[in-house]
Amino acid sequence: MSRRQMSPPPQCSFAEVYNALKRMPNQQVDSLITTGGVKFSAKAGLTRDGREYIGLPHGNRIYQDDWGFMTNRMGEDGQRIGHYARPLDEWCSDL
């Protein structure tokens, strides 16, 4: 599966965003708005096998290898994550 990169690329790394979420109450931020204007929450998570991810609505997740792409690698075609990643990056950049 070929994935499109975010343009422009994120300013913050996955680790910076993940660690910023870890410092928030409940390891979560609730006041973000997607690029389409929908309010959402994002939460730092850890899989049973120890992989870090950013949890998003509808079961979407951003793993480290997904950061900077418009889709993740979940499912056959991936889930759209760019509309969540852009506001997360801006939030992290403003900290």
C-alpha atoms as a PDB file:
ATOM      1  CA  MET A   1       0.000   0.000   0.000  1.00  0.00           C
ATOM      2  CA  SER A   2       1.410   3.373  -1.021  1.00  0.00           C
ATOM      3  CA  ARG A   3       0.754   6.157   1.472  1.00  0.00           C
ATOM      4  CA  ARG A   4       0.770   9.917   0.974  1.00  0.00           C
ATOM      5  CA  GLN A   5       2.925  11.970   3.284  1.00  0.00           C
ATOM      6  CA  MET A   6       1.530  15.020   5.044  1.00  0.00           C
ATOM      7  CA  SER A   7       2.382  18.279   3.321  1.00  0.00           C
ATOM      8  CA  PRO A   8       3.867  20.222   4.921  1.00  0.00           C
ATOM      9  CA  PRO A   9       5.411  17.570   7.171  1.00  0.00           C
ATOM     10  CA  PRO A  10       4.686  17.724  10.898  1.00  0.00           C
ATOM     11  CA  GLN A  11       6.850  20.030  12.995  1.00  0.00           C
ATOM     12  CA  CYS A  12       6.776  17.754  16.046  1.00  0.00           C
ATOM     13  CA  SER A  13       7.903  14.136  16.128  1.00  0.00           C
ATOM     14  CA  PHE A  14       5.627  11.296  17.174  1.00  0.00           C
ATOM     15  CA  ALA A  15       7.581  11.052  20.455  1.00  0.00           C
ATOM     16  CA  GLU A  16       7.033  14.752  21.188  1.00  0.00           C
ATOM     17  CA  VAL A  17       3.271  14.486  20.651  1.00  0.00           C
ATOM     18  CA  TYR A  18       3.002  11.201  22.557  1.00  0.00           C
ATOM     19  CA  ASN A  19       4.990  12.543  25.517  1.00  0.00           C
ATOM     20  CA  ALA A  20       2.944  15.757  25.574  1.00  0.00           C
ATOM     21  CA  LEU A  21      -0.222  13.638  25.772  1.00  0.00           C
ATOM     22  CA  LYS A  22       1.310  11.564  28.590  1.00  0.00           C
ATOM     23  CA  ARG A  23       1.742  14.757  30.632  1.00  0.00           C
ATOM     24  CA  MET A  24      -1.942  15.718  30.285  1.00  0.00           C
ATOM     25  CA  PRO A  25      -4.613  14.729  32.846  1.00  0.00           C
ATOM     26  CA  ASN A  26      -5.751  11.185  31.951  1.00  0.00           C
ATOM     27  CA  GLN A  27      -3.016  11.266  29.263  1.00  0.00           C
ATOM     28  CA  GLN A  28      -5.570  12.890  26.978  1.00  0.00           C
ATOM     29  CA  VAL A  29      -6.406  16.179  25.262  1.00  0.00           C
ATOM     30  CA  ASP A  30     -10.084  16.908  24.572  1.00  0.00           C
ATOM     31  CA  SER A  31     -10.210  20.288  22.870  1.00  0.00           C
ATOM     32  CA  LEU A  32      -8.858  19.563  19.384  1.00  0.00           C
ATOM     33  CA  ILE A  33     -10.645  20.260  16.091  1.00  0.00           C
ATOM     34  CA  THR A  34     -10.059  18.175  12.948  1.00  0.00           C
ATOM     35  CA  THR A  35      -9.136  19.866   9.689  1.00  0.00           C
ATOM     36  CA  GLY A  36     -12.812  19.334   8.782  1.00  0.00           C
ATOM     37  CA  GLY A  37     -14.055  21.245  11.837  1.00  0.00           C
ATOM     38  CA  VAL A  38     -15.095  18.335  14.104  1.00  0.00           C
ATOM     39  CA  LYS A  39     -14.149  18.315  17.794  1.00  0.00           C
ATOM     40  CA  PHE A  40     -12.130  15.281  18.931  1.00  0.00           C
ATOM     41  CA  SER A  41     -10.006  13.844  21.743  1.00  0.00           C
ATOM     42  CA  ALA A  42      -6.651  12.102  21.494  1.00  0.00           C
ATOM     43  CA  LYS A  43      -5.075   9.866  24.117  1.00  0.00           C
ATOM     44  CA  ALA A  44      -1.663   8.293  24.653  1.00  0.00           C
ATOM     45  CA  GLY A  45      -1.928   4.509  24.659  1.00  0.00           C
ATOM     46  CA  LEU A  46       0.237   1.417  24.943  1.00  0.00           C
ATOM     47  CA  THR A  47      -0.464  -1.946  23.313  1.00  0.00           C
ATOM     48  CA  ARG A  48      -0.082  -5.202  25.235  1.00  0.00           C
ATOM     49  CA  ASP A  49       3.197  -5.796  23.422  1.00  0.00           C
ATOM     50  CA  GLY A  50       4.522  -2.364  24.445  1.00  0.00           C
ATOM     51  CA  ARG A  51       4.003  -0.265  21.298  1.00  0.00           C
ATOM     52  CA  GLU A  52       3.064   3.365  21.857  1.00  0.00           C
ATOM     53  CA  TYR A  53       0.132   4.843  19.936  1.00  0.00           C
ATOM     54  CA  ILE A  54      -2.108   7.872  19.878  1.00  0.00           C
ATOM     55  CA  GLY A  55      -5.732   6.816  20.262  1.00  0.00           C
ATOM     56  CA  LEU A  56      -8.301   8.658  18.149  1.00  0.00           C
ATOM     57  CA  PRO A  57     -12.092   8.493  17.613  1.00  0.00           C
ATOM     58  CA  HIS A  58     -13.634   5.449  15.912  1.00  0.00           C
ATOM     59  CA  GLY A  59     -10.789   3.189  17.030  1.00  0.00           C
ATOM     60  CA  ASN A  60      -8.260   4.938  14.797  1.00  0.00           C
ATOM     61  CA  ARG A  61      -4.684   4.903  16.000  1.00  0.00           C
ATOM     62  CA  ILE A  62      -1.455   6.602  15.045  1.00  0.00           C
ATOM     63  CA  TYR A  63       1.658   4.502  15.655  1.00  0.00           C
ATOM     64  CA  GLN A  64       5.184   5.862  15.385  1.00  0.00           C
ATOM     65  CA  ASP A  65       5.608   4.493  11.840  1.00  0.00           C
ATOM     66  CA  ASP A  66       2.350   6.201  10.775  1.00  0.00           C
ATOM     67  CA  TRP A  67       3.345   9.694  11.918  1.00  0.00           C
ATOM     68  CA  GLY A  68       3.674  12.081   8.990  1.00  0.00           C
ATOM     69  CA  PHE A  69       1.354  10.096   6.698  1.00  0.00           C
ATOM     70  CA  MET A  70      -2.277  10.749   5.747  1.00  0.00           C
ATOM     71  CA  THR A  71      -3.286   7.148   6.583  1.00  0.00           C
ATOM     72  CA  ASN A  72      -2.134   4.508   9.029  1.00  0.00           C
ATOM     73  CA  ARG A  73      -1.465   0.851   8.221  1.00  0.00           C
ATOM     74  CA  MET A  74      -4.536  -0.578   9.927  1.00  0.00           C
ATOM     75  CA  GLY A  75      -6.851  -2.664   7.765  1.00  0.00           C
ATOM     76  CA  GLU A  76      -6.541  -3.285   4.054  1.00  0.00           C
ATOM     77  CA  ASP A  77      -6.353   0.355   2.912  1.00  0.00           C
ATOM     78  CA  GLY A  78      -5.437   2.069   6.192  1.00  0.00           C
ATOM     79  CA  GLN A  79      -7.515   4.509   8.185  1.00  0.00           C
ATOM     80  CA  ARG A  80      -7.472   8.247   7.481  1.00  0.00           C
ATOM     81  CA  ILE A  81      -5.437   9.999  10.179  1.00  0.00           C
ATOM     82  CA  GLY A  82      -4.130  13.180   8.551  1.00  0.00           C
ATOM     83  CA  HIS A  83      -7.148  15.222   9.626  1.00  0.00           C
ATOM     84  CA  TYR A  84      -6.278  14.287  13.229  1.00  0.00           C
ATOM     85  CA  ALA A  85      -2.488  14.456  12.937  1.00  0.00           C
ATOM     86  CA  ARG A  86      -2.392  18.062  11.690  1.00  0.00           C
ATOM     87  CA  PRO A  87      -4.205  19.556  14.732  1.00  0.00           C
ATOM     88  CA  LEU A  88      -2.214  17.291  17.078  1.00  0.00           C
ATOM     89  CA  ASP A  89       0.995  18.611  15.548  1.00  0.00           C
ATOM     90  CA  GLU A  90      -0.186  22.222  15.887  1.00  0.00           C
ATOM     91  CA  TRP A  91      -1.221  21.604  19.510  1.00  0.00           C
ATOM     92  CA  CYS A  92       2.194  20.123  20.319  1.00  0.00           C
ATOM     93  CA  SER A  93       4.003  22.955  18.517  1.00  0.00           C
ATOM     94  CA  ASP A  94       2.153  25.520  20.638  1.00  0.00           C
ATOM     95  CA  LEU A  95       3.228  23.967  23.967  1.00  0.00           C
END
